[in-house]
């Protein structure tokens, strides 16, 4: 007898796999934690396999659970396509998307390409800019959906991935402690600029803006050229740059959240829902480097 995998249980499983937390999964889905536990238990009964291992401190996905992630995404995508087709809500119109420019180095453009293939009647307006600027565009009803950064501690949007921030330089970077640290920064408002300046202020470290860049390619070029050091999410550090280690005696930067935010005025439109579903179904791999 073929097992039936309920979409609600699959969505819960993906939320647990992405957040590694029953509590955070419950908050994301708007349900109680016992409901999350029940969905995972029923899905494991349907598969006959242990998908999630949980103790008082950690939640881990088993090898069978890792396999189920791919199946769950495929099943939910097919379910959404079928529901949209038969409900007559095939997405049409124009979708205004904002993307933090450093995320152009990830799988996100591939997801947009796949979305355009699956929904050819949706035209895209894509704005690539700094996260701070995109937050403002979303608030001013100039975007429908935005994927980028939010400051740690804020709860706006749906968490896609939490990233450690690291200092970056080039292989020959040497820091002269007798002079202000030369920084390569984005213009304000910039969350990464704010993070590095806050860390240096906290440790009373002198610094100066040696180079201001309006895009990630400019920042990479300036740091690679030795103009100064900067900050990036750990997984987004390109091959041209080098994470700076303990020998450079730089302060800890902490983490930054990569999130998906939707415009409350347009989030219920079929095109917005379809792209949000595609991004969240891919989970942290959405923002993995290509």
C-alpha atoms as a PDB file:
ATOM      1  CA  UNK A   1       0.000   0.000   0.000  1.00  0.00           C
ATOM      2  CA  UNK A   2       1.417   3.398  -1.050  1.00  0.00           C
ATOM      3  CA  UNK A   3       1.928   5.889   1.758  1.00  0.00           C
ATOM      4  CA  UNK A   4       0.132   9.228   1.511  1.00  0.00           C
ATOM      5  CA  UNK A   5       2.123  12.275   2.518  1.00  0.00           C
ATOM      6  CA  UNK A   6      -0.075  15.119   3.720  1.00  0.00           C
ATOM      7  CA  UNK A   7       1.010  18.598   2.508  1.00  0.00           C
ATOM      8  CA  UNK A   8       0.542  20.084   5.990  1.00  0.00           C
ATOM      9  CA  UNK A   9       2.899  17.485   7.459  1.00  0.00           C
ATOM     10  CA  UNK A  10       5.447  18.085   4.700  1.00  0.00           C
ATOM     11  CA  UNK A  11       5.349  21.860   5.278  1.00  0.00           C
ATOM     12  CA  UNK A  12       5.897  21.279   8.986  1.00  0.00           C
ATOM     13  CA  UNK A  13       8.796  18.929   8.288  1.00  0.00           C
ATOM     14  CA  UNK A  14      10.476  21.472   5.990  1.00  0.00           C
ATOM     15  CA  UNK A  15      10.028  24.208   8.610  1.00  0.00           C
ATOM     16  CA  UNK A  16      11.705  21.982  11.233  1.00  0.00           C
ATOM     17  CA  UNK A  17      14.492  21.036   8.806  1.00  0.00           C
ATOM     18  CA  UNK A  18      15.148  24.693   7.960  1.00  0.00           C
ATOM     19  CA  UNK A  19      15.014  26.129  11.492  1.00  0.00           C
ATOM     20  CA  UNK A  20      16.357  23.080  13.390  1.00  0.00           C
ATOM     21  CA  UNK A  21      13.794  23.978  16.042  1.00  0.00           C
ATOM     22  CA  UNK A  22      10.273  22.760  16.822  1.00  0.00           C
ATOM     23  CA  UNK A  23       9.580  26.076  18.559  1.00  0.00           C
ATOM     24  CA  UNK A  24      10.700  28.222  15.611  1.00  0.00           C
ATOM     25  CA  UNK A  25       8.867  25.957  13.169  1.00  0.00           C
ATOM     26  CA  UNK A  26       5.654  26.398  15.159  1.00  0.00           C
ATOM     27  CA  UNK A  27       6.095  30.183  15.150  1.00  0.00           C
ATOM     28  CA  UNK A  28       6.752  30.231  11.405  1.00  0.00           C
ATOM     29  CA  UNK A  29       3.661  28.139  10.654  1.00  0.00           C
ATOM     30  CA  UNK A  30       1.389  29.843  13.185  1.00  0.00           C
ATOM     31  CA  UNK A  31       0.585  26.613  15.051  1.00  0.00           C
ATOM     32  CA  UNK A  32       1.272  25.222  18.509  1.00  0.00           C
ATOM     33  CA  UNK A  33       4.399  23.184  19.202  1.00  0.00           C
ATOM     34  CA  UNK A  34       2.412  19.970  19.945  1.00  0.00           C
ATOM     35  CA  UNK A  35       0.974  20.242  16.431  1.00  0.00           C
ATOM     36  CA  UNK A  36       4.497  20.309  15.009  1.00  0.00           C
ATOM     37  CA  UNK A  37       5.406  17.204  17.020  1.00  0.00           C
ATOM     38  CA  UNK A  38       2.235  15.454  15.874  1.00  0.00           C
ATOM     39  CA  UNK A  39       2.886  16.237  12.203  1.00  0.00           C
ATOM     40  CA  UNK A  40       6.464  14.939  12.401  1.00  0.00           C
ATOM     41  CA  UNK A  41       5.308  11.781  14.180  1.00  0.00           C
ATOM     42  CA  UNK A  42       2.598  11.075  11.582  1.00  0.00           C
ATOM     43  CA  UNK A  43       5.011  11.683   8.699  1.00  0.00           C
ATOM     44  CA  UNK A  44       7.515   9.285  10.251  1.00  0.00           C
ATOM     45  CA  UNK A  45       4.722   6.713  10.629  1.00  0.00           C
ATOM     46  CA  UNK A  46       3.822   7.157   6.949  1.00  0.00           C
ATOM     47  CA  UNK A  47       7.435   6.705   5.821  1.00  0.00           C
ATOM     48  CA  UNK A  48       8.350   4.052   8.343  1.00  0.00           C
ATOM     49  CA  UNK A  49      11.593   5.964   8.949  1.00  0.00           C
ATOM     50  CA  UNK A  50      13.023   8.305  11.571  1.00  0.00           C
ATOM     51  CA  UNK A  51      13.323  11.707   9.900  1.00  0.00           C
ATOM     52  CA  UNK A  52      14.215  13.960  12.850  1.00  0.00           C
ATOM     53  CA  UNK A  53      16.285  13.266  15.940  1.00  0.00           C
ATOM     54  CA  UNK A  54      15.514  15.521  18.878  1.00  0.00           C
ATOM     55  CA  UNK A  55      16.868  15.895  22.402  1.00  0.00           C
ATOM     56  CA  UNK A  56      16.615  18.624  25.030  1.00  0.00           C
ATOM     57  CA  UNK A  57      19.204  20.792  23.256  1.00  0.00           C
ATOM     58  CA  UNK A  58      19.314  19.993  19.556  1.00  0.00           C
ATOM     59  CA  UNK A  59      17.208  19.005  16.572  1.00  0.00           C
ATOM     60  CA  UNK A  60      18.962  17.112  13.784  1.00  0.00           C
ATOM     61  CA  UNK A  61      17.747  15.745  10.452  1.00  0.00           C
ATOM     62  CA  UNK A  62      18.635  12.096   9.828  1.00  0.00           C
ATOM     63  CA  UNK A  63      19.953  10.809   6.453  1.00  0.00           C
ATOM     64  CA  UNK A  64      16.403   9.652   5.642  1.00  0.00           C
ATOM     65  CA  UNK A  65      15.223  13.120   6.638  1.00  0.00           C
ATOM     66  CA  UNK A  66      17.724  14.720   4.251  1.00  0.00           C
ATOM     67  CA  UNK A  67      16.295  12.555   1.468  1.00  0.00           C
ATOM     68  CA  UNK A  68      12.749  13.557   2.444  1.00  0.00           C
ATOM     69  CA  UNK A  69      13.625  17.268   2.109  1.00  0.00           C
ATOM     70  CA  UNK A  70      13.946  16.911  -1.665  1.00  0.00           C
ATOM     71  CA  UNK A  71      10.822  14.773  -1.961  1.00  0.00           C
ATOM     72  CA  UNK A  72       8.819  17.162   0.227  1.00  0.00           C
ATOM     73  CA  UNK A  73       9.767  20.166  -1.894  1.00  0.00           C
ATOM     74  CA  UNK A  74       8.823  18.351  -5.099  1.00  0.00           C
ATOM     75  CA  UNK A  75       5.493  17.150  -3.672  1.00  0.00           C
ATOM     76  CA  UNK A  76       4.565  20.600  -2.352  1.00  0.00           C
ATOM     77  CA  UNK A  77       5.519  22.281  -5.625  1.00  0.00           C
ATOM     78  CA  UNK A  78       3.345  19.834  -7.557  1.00  0.00           C
ATOM     79  CA  UNK A  79       0.537  20.350  -5.042  1.00  0.00           C
ATOM     80  CA  UNK A  80       0.701  24.149  -5.424  1.00  0.00           C
ATOM     81  CA  UNK A  81       0.769  23.865  -9.226  1.00  0.00           C
ATOM     82  CA  UNK A  82      -2.247  21.571  -9.277  1.00  0.00           C
ATOM     83  CA  UNK A  83      -4.203  23.696  -6.804  1.00  0.00           C
ATOM     84  CA  UNK A  84      -3.462  26.863  -8.780  1.00  0.00           C
ATOM     85  CA  UNK A  85      -4.364  25.265 -12.112  1.00  0.00           C
ATOM     86  CA  UNK A  86      -7.710  23.854 -11.032  1.00  0.00           C
ATOM     87  CA  UNK A  87      -8.679  26.884  -8.978  1.00  0.00           C
ATOM     88  CA  UNK A  88      -8.168  29.123 -11.970  1.00  0.00           C
ATOM     89  CA  UNK A  89      -5.600  31.192 -10.033  1.00  0.00           C
ATOM     90  CA  UNK A  90      -2.683  30.770 -12.389  1.00  0.00           C
ATOM     91  CA  UNK A  91      -0.432  33.746 -11.572  1.00  0.00           C
ATOM     92  CA  UNK A  92      -0.482  36.584 -14.089  1.00  0.00           C
ATOM     93  CA  UNK A  93       0.595  40.218 -14.065  1.00  0.00           C
ATOM     94  CA  UNK A  94       3.749  41.929 -12.871  1.00  0.00           C
ATOM     95  CA  UNK A  95       5.727  40.971  -9.760  1.00  0.00           C
ATOM     96  CA  UNK A  96       8.071  43.525  -8.173  1.00  0.00           C
ATOM     97  CA  UNK A  97      11.018  41.723  -6.555  1.00  0.00           C
ATOM     98  CA  UNK A  98      13.844  43.124  -4.449  1.00  0.00           C
ATOM     99  CA  UNK A  99      17.097  41.214  -3.987  1.00  0.00           C
ATOM    100  CA  UNK A 100      20.102  42.177  -1.890  1.00  0.00           C
ATOM    101  CA  UNK A 101      22.949  42.549  -4.373  1.00  0.00           C
ATOM    102  CA  UNK A 102      25.302  40.079  -2.700  1.00  0.00           C
ATOM    103  CA  UNK A 103      22.584  37.404  -3.048  1.00  0.00           C
ATOM    104  CA  UNK A 104      23.141  37.565  -6.805  1.00  0.00           C
ATOM    105  CA  UNK A 105      26.086  35.248  -5.992  1.00  0.00           C
ATOM    106  CA  UNK A 106      23.688  32.551  -4.704  1.00  0.00           C
ATOM    107  CA  UNK A 107      21.105  30.154  -6.165  1.00  0.00           C
ATOM    108  CA  UNK A 108      18.409  32.818  -5.951  1.00  0.00           C
ATOM    109  CA  UNK A 109      18.748  33.858  -9.632  1.00  0.00           C
ATOM    110  CA  UNK A 110      18.274  30.194 -10.611  1.00  0.00           C
ATOM    111  CA  UNK A 111      15.057  30.084  -8.581  1.00  0.00           C
ATOM    112  CA  UNK A 112      13.848  33.198 -10.403  1.00  0.00           C
ATOM    113  CA  UNK A 113      14.675  31.561 -13.735  1.00  0.00           C
ATOM    114  CA  UNK A 114      12.724  28.433 -12.781  1.00  0.00           C
ATOM    115  CA  UNK A 115       9.826  30.596 -11.590  1.00  0.00           C
ATOM    116  CA  UNK A 116       9.753  32.447 -14.912  1.00  0.00           C
ATOM    117  CA  UNK A 117       9.688  29.107 -16.755  1.00  0.00           C
ATOM    118  CA  UNK A 118       6.815  27.774 -14.625  1.00  0.00           C
ATOM    119  CA  UNK A 119       4.795  31.014 -14.696  1.00  0.00           C
ATOM    120  CA  UNK A 120       5.425  32.579 -18.114  1.00  0.00           C
ATOM    121  CA  UNK A 121       2.467  34.968 -17.766  1.00  0.00           C
ATOM    122  CA  UNK A 122       4.145  36.734 -14.834  1.00  0.00           C
ATOM    123  CA  UNK A 123       6.463  39.606 -15.769  1.00  0.00           C
ATOM    124  CA  UNK A 124       9.210  40.495 -13.302  1.00  0.00           C
ATOM    125  CA  UNK A 125      10.529  43.846 -12.119  1.00  0.00           C
ATOM    126  CA  UNK A 126      13.800  43.007 -10.352  1.00  0.00           C
ATOM    127  CA  UNK A 127      15.540  45.588  -8.157  1.00  0.00           C
ATOM    128  CA  UNK A 128      19.022  44.663  -6.914  1.00  0.00           C
ATOM    129  CA  UNK A 129      20.267  46.993  -4.198  1.00  0.00           C
ATOM    130  CA  UNK A 130      21.361  47.207  -0.567  1.00  0.00           C
ATOM    131  CA  UNK A 131      19.037  45.629   1.970  1.00  0.00           C
ATOM    132  CA  UNK A 132      18.439  48.904   3.811  1.00  0.00           C
ATOM    133  CA  UNK A 133      17.244  50.585   0.609  1.00  0.00           C
ATOM    134  CA  UNK A 134      15.045  47.614  -0.281  1.00  0.00           C
ATOM    135  CA  UNK A 135      13.391  47.671   3.150  1.00  0.00           C
ATOM    136  CA  UNK A 136      12.358  51.253   2.423  1.00  0.00           C
ATOM    137  CA  UNK A 137      11.042  50.372  -1.050  1.00  0.00           C
ATOM    138  CA  UNK A 138       8.932  47.580   0.447  1.00  0.00           C
ATOM    139  CA  UNK A 139       7.524  49.890   3.113  1.00  0.00           C
ATOM    140  CA  UNK A 140       6.683  52.474   0.427  1.00  0.00           C
ATOM    141  CA  UNK A 141       4.711  49.914  -1.630  1.00  0.00           C
ATOM    142  CA  UNK A 142       7.342  49.816  -4.385  1.00  0.00           C
ATOM    143  CA  UNK A 143       8.060  46.074  -3.994  1.00  0.00           C
ATOM    144  CA  UNK A 144       5.874  42.989  -3.610  1.00  0.00           C
ATOM    145  CA  UNK A 145       8.563  40.697  -2.211  1.00  0.00           C
ATOM    146  CA  UNK A 146      12.095  41.134  -0.911  1.00  0.00           C
ATOM    147  CA  UNK A 147      14.864  38.635  -0.121  1.00  0.00           C
ATOM    148  CA  UNK A 148      17.769  40.077   1.829  1.00  0.00           C
ATOM    149  CA  UNK A 149      19.113  40.921   5.272  1.00  0.00           C
ATOM    150  CA  UNK A 150      17.515  42.100   8.483  1.00  0.00           C
ATOM    151  CA  UNK A 151      19.276  43.144  11.681  1.00  0.00           C
ATOM    152  CA  UNK A 152      19.589  40.404  14.293  1.00  0.00           C
ATOM    153  CA  UNK A 153      16.879  40.795  16.906  1.00  0.00           C
ATOM    154  CA  UNK A 154      14.187  41.989  14.513  1.00  0.00           C
ATOM    155  CA  UNK A 155      11.348  39.605  13.709  1.00  0.00           C
ATOM    156  CA  UNK A 156      10.047  40.967  10.417  1.00  0.00           C
ATOM    157  CA  UNK A 157       9.735  38.452   7.595  1.00  0.00           C
ATOM    158  CA  UNK A 158      10.366  34.715   7.378  1.00  0.00           C
ATOM    159  CA  UNK A 159      13.838  33.474   8.255  1.00  0.00           C
ATOM    160  CA  UNK A 160      15.493  31.656   5.354  1.00  0.00           C
ATOM    161  CA  UNK A 161      19.026  31.402   6.750  1.00  0.00           C
ATOM    162  CA  UNK A 162      21.063  32.721   9.672  1.00  0.00           C
ATOM    163  CA  UNK A 163      24.643  33.568   8.712  1.00  0.00           C
ATOM    164  CA  UNK A 164      27.792  34.361  10.690  1.00  0.00           C
ATOM    165  CA  UNK A 165      29.417  37.614   9.629  1.00  0.00           C
ATOM    166  CA  UNK A 166      33.171  37.506   9.022  1.00  0.00           C
ATOM    167  CA  UNK A 167      35.867  40.053   8.323  1.00  0.00           C
ATOM    168  CA  UNK A 168      37.384  39.730   4.862  1.00  0.00           C
ATOM    169  CA  UNK A 169      40.631  40.854   3.289  1.00  0.00           C
ATOM    170  CA  UNK A 170      43.040  39.447   0.724  1.00  0.00           C
ATOM    171  CA  UNK A 171      45.804  36.871   1.300  1.00  0.00           C
ATOM    172  CA  UNK A 172      48.328  39.644   1.927  1.00  0.00           C
ATOM    173  CA  UNK A 173      46.239  41.707   4.366  1.00  0.00           C
ATOM    174  CA  UNK A 174      48.316  43.242   7.173  1.00  0.00           C
ATOM    175  CA  UNK A 175      46.754  45.639   9.676  1.00  0.00           C
ATOM    176  CA  UNK A 176      48.707  48.564  11.113  1.00  0.00           C
ATOM    177  CA  UNK A 177      47.369  48.989  14.654  1.00  0.00           C
ATOM    178  CA  UNK A 178      48.947  52.426  14.856  1.00  0.00           C
ATOM    179  CA  UNK A 179      46.504  53.787  12.290  1.00  0.00           C
ATOM    180  CA  UNK A 180      42.698  53.697  11.875  1.00  0.00           C
ATOM    181  CA  UNK A 181      41.551  50.504  10.160  1.00  0.00           C
ATOM    182  CA  UNK A 182      40.735  51.134   6.478  1.00  0.00           C
ATOM    183  CA  UNK A 183      37.188  49.925   5.744  1.00  0.00           C
ATOM    184  CA  UNK A 184      35.508  49.163   2.439  1.00  0.00           C
ATOM    185  CA  UNK A 185      31.828  49.935   2.994  1.00  0.00           C
ATOM    186  CA  UNK A 186      28.480  50.358   1.296  1.00  0.00           C
ATOM    187  CA  UNK A 187      26.690  53.722   1.495  1.00  0.00           C
ATOM    188  CA  UNK A 188      24.174  54.115   4.297  1.00  0.00           C
ATOM    189  CA  UNK A 189      21.745  52.586   5.008  1.00  0.00           C
ATOM    190  CA  UNK A 190      23.797  49.377   5.102  1.00  0.00           C
ATOM    191  CA  UNK A 191      23.329  46.563   7.623  1.00  0.00           C
ATOM    192  CA  UNK A 192      26.837  45.144   7.128  1.00  0.00           C
ATOM    193  CA  UNK A 193      28.371  48.623   7.486  1.00  0.00           C
ATOM    194  CA  UNK A 194      26.397  49.165  10.694  1.00  0.00           C
ATOM    195  CA  UNK A 195      27.542  45.768  12.033  1.00  0.00           C
ATOM    196  CA  UNK A 196      31.241  46.384  11.441  1.00  0.00           C
ATOM    197  CA  UNK A 197      31.175  49.921  12.829  1.00  0.00           C
ATOM    198  CA  UNK A 198      29.263  48.786  15.932  1.00  0.00           C
ATOM    199  CA  UNK A 199      31.828  46.026  16.553  1.00  0.00           C
ATOM    200  CA  UNK A 200      34.736  48.457  16.224  1.00  0.00           C
ATOM    201  CA  UNK A 201      33.045  51.096  18.382  1.00  0.00           C
ATOM    202  CA  UNK A 202      32.411  48.466  21.045  1.00  0.00           C
ATOM    203  CA  UNK A 203      36.139  47.726  21.241  1.00  0.00           C
ATOM    204  CA  UNK A 204      37.234  51.388  20.878  1.00  0.00           C
ATOM    205  CA  UNK A 205      39.013  50.570  17.616  1.00  0.00           C
ATOM    206  CA  UNK A 206      39.702  53.531  15.329  1.00  0.00           C
ATOM    207  CA  UNK A 207      38.633  53.189  11.682  1.00  0.00           C
ATOM    208  CA  UNK A 208      38.039  55.181   8.527  1.00  0.00           C
ATOM    209  CA  UNK A 209      36.007  54.645   5.358  1.00  0.00           C
ATOM    210  CA  UNK A 210      38.793  54.049   2.842  1.00  0.00           C
ATOM    211  CA  UNK A 211      36.392  53.182   0.018  1.00  0.00           C
ATOM    212  CA  UNK A 212      32.622  53.480  -0.466  1.00  0.00           C
ATOM    213  CA  UNK A 213      31.148  50.998  -2.979  1.00  0.00           C
ATOM    214  CA  UNK A 214      27.606  50.850  -4.335  1.00  0.00           C
ATOM    215  CA  UNK A 215      27.623  47.151  -5.183  1.00  0.00           C
ATOM    216  CA  UNK A 216      29.090  43.843  -4.114  1.00  0.00           C
ATOM    217  CA  UNK A 217      31.353  43.617  -7.183  1.00  0.00           C
ATOM    218  CA  UNK A 218      32.928  46.948  -6.291  1.00  0.00           C
ATOM    219  CA  UNK A 219      33.395  45.851  -2.685  1.00  0.00           C
ATOM    220  CA  UNK A 220      35.064  42.602  -3.760  1.00  0.00           C
ATOM    221  CA  UNK A 221      37.370  44.462  -6.154  1.00  0.00           C
ATOM    222  CA  UNK A 222      38.358  47.064  -3.544  1.00  0.00           C
ATOM    223  CA  UNK A 223      39.134  44.491  -0.851  1.00  0.00           C
ATOM    224  CA  UNK A 224      41.004  42.255  -3.308  1.00  0.00           C
ATOM    225  CA  UNK A 225      43.074  45.284  -4.343  1.00  0.00           C
ATOM    226  CA  UNK A 226      44.120  45.848  -0.722  1.00  0.00           C
ATOM    227  CA  UNK A 227      42.326  49.180  -0.280  1.00  0.00           C
ATOM    228  CA  UNK A 228      40.795  47.992   2.984  1.00  0.00           C
ATOM    229  CA  UNK A 229      38.926  45.260   4.829  1.00  0.00           C
ATOM    230  CA  UNK A 230      35.211  44.626   4.973  1.00  0.00           C
ATOM    231  CA  UNK A 231      32.494  42.289   6.232  1.00  0.00           C
ATOM    232  CA  UNK A 232      30.456  39.585   4.487  1.00  0.00           C
ATOM    233  CA  UNK A 233      28.217  36.668   5.352  1.00  0.00           C
ATOM    234  CA  UNK A 234      30.525  33.666   5.771  1.00  0.00           C
ATOM    235  CA  UNK A 235      29.036  31.518   2.998  1.00  0.00           C
ATOM    236  CA  UNK A 236      29.148  34.424   0.514  1.00  0.00           C
ATOM    237  CA  UNK A 237      32.899  35.080   0.709  1.00  0.00           C
ATOM    238  CA  UNK A 238      34.173  34.724  -2.892  1.00  0.00           C
ATOM    239  CA  UNK A 239      37.411  33.048  -3.918  1.00  0.00           C
ATOM    240  CA  UNK A 240      39.104  36.428  -4.464  1.00  0.00           C
ATOM    241  CA  UNK A 241      38.853  37.242  -0.741  1.00  0.00           C
ATOM    242  CA  UNK A 242      40.045  35.625   2.482  1.00  0.00           C
ATOM    243  CA  UNK A 243      38.270  35.478   5.860  1.00  0.00           C
ATOM    244  CA  UNK A 244      40.511  37.181   8.411  1.00  0.00           C
ATOM    245  CA  UNK A 245      41.472  35.016  11.369  1.00  0.00           C
ATOM    246  CA  UNK A 246      42.332  35.419  15.042  1.00  0.00           C
ATOM    247  CA  UNK A 247      45.810  36.762  14.208  1.00  0.00           C
ATOM    248  CA  UNK A 248      44.220  39.988  12.977  1.00  0.00           C
ATOM    249  CA  UNK A 249      42.616  40.586  16.413  1.00  0.00           C
ATOM    250  CA  UNK A 250      39.350  41.928  15.036  1.00  0.00           C
ATOM    251  CA  UNK A 251      36.156  41.949  17.130  1.00  0.00           C
ATOM    252  CA  UNK A 252      33.395  39.375  16.705  1.00  0.00           C
ATOM    253  CA  UNK A 253      30.610  40.504  14.410  1.00  0.00           C
ATOM    254  CA  UNK A 254      27.865  38.059  15.333  1.00  0.00           C
ATOM    255  CA  UNK A 255      25.193  36.922  12.911  1.00  0.00           C
ATOM    256  CA  UNK A 256      22.807  38.361  10.376  1.00  0.00           C
ATOM    257  CA  UNK A 257      19.452  36.972   9.235  1.00  0.00           C
ATOM    258  CA  UNK A 258      18.648  36.441   5.569  1.00  0.00           C
ATOM    259  CA  UNK A 259      14.878  36.679   5.251  1.00  0.00           C
ATOM    260  CA  UNK A 260      11.924  36.839   2.894  1.00  0.00           C
ATOM    261  CA  UNK A 261       9.521  39.724   3.375  1.00  0.00           C
ATOM    262  CA  UNK A 262       6.276  40.364   1.519  1.00  0.00           C
ATOM    263  CA  UNK A 263       4.226  43.504   1.038  1.00  0.00           C
ATOM    264  CA  UNK A 264       1.040  43.268   3.160  1.00  0.00           C
ATOM    265  CA  UNK A 265      -0.868  45.027   0.350  1.00  0.00           C
ATOM    266  CA  UNK A 266       0.014  42.408  -2.272  1.00  0.00           C
ATOM    267  CA  UNK A 267       1.118  39.283  -0.383  1.00  0.00           C
ATOM    268  CA  UNK A 268      -2.151  37.453  -1.158  1.00  0.00           C
ATOM    269  CA  UNK A 269      -1.784  37.751  -4.926  1.00  0.00           C
ATOM    270  CA  UNK A 270      -1.142  34.377  -6.611  1.00  0.00           C
ATOM    271  CA  UNK A 271       2.190  35.495  -8.129  1.00  0.00           C
ATOM    272  CA  UNK A 272       3.538  36.717  -4.784  1.00  0.00           C
ATOM    273  CA  UNK A 273       2.423  33.533  -3.017  1.00  0.00           C
ATOM    274  CA  UNK A 274       3.923  31.334  -5.728  1.00  0.00           C
ATOM    275  CA  UNK A 275       7.380  32.934  -5.575  1.00  0.00           C
ATOM    276  CA  UNK A 276       7.388  33.033  -1.764  1.00  0.00           C
ATOM    277  CA  UNK A 277       6.527  29.315  -1.754  1.00  0.00           C
ATOM    278  CA  UNK A 278       9.362  28.543  -4.193  1.00  0.00           C
ATOM    279  CA  UNK A 279      11.955  30.441  -2.129  1.00  0.00           C
ATOM    280  CA  UNK A 280      10.889  28.970   1.208  1.00  0.00           C
ATOM    281  CA  UNK A 281      10.595  25.439  -0.203  1.00  0.00           C
ATOM    282  CA  UNK A 282      14.275  25.617  -1.215  1.00  0.00           C
ATOM    283  CA  UNK A 283      15.174  26.630   2.352  1.00  0.00           C
ATOM    284  CA  UNK A 284      18.772  27.598   3.224  1.00  0.00           C
ATOM    285  CA  UNK A 285      20.027  26.191  -0.105  1.00  0.00           C
ATOM    286  CA  UNK A 286      18.304  29.166  -1.775  1.00  0.00           C
ATOM    287  CA  UNK A 287      21.074  31.377  -0.445  1.00  0.00           C
ATOM    288  CA  UNK A 288      23.950  28.961  -0.952  1.00  0.00           C
ATOM    289  CA  UNK A 289      26.725  30.118  -3.308  1.00  0.00           C
ATOM    290  CA  UNK A 290      26.529  28.910  -6.894  1.00  0.00           C
END
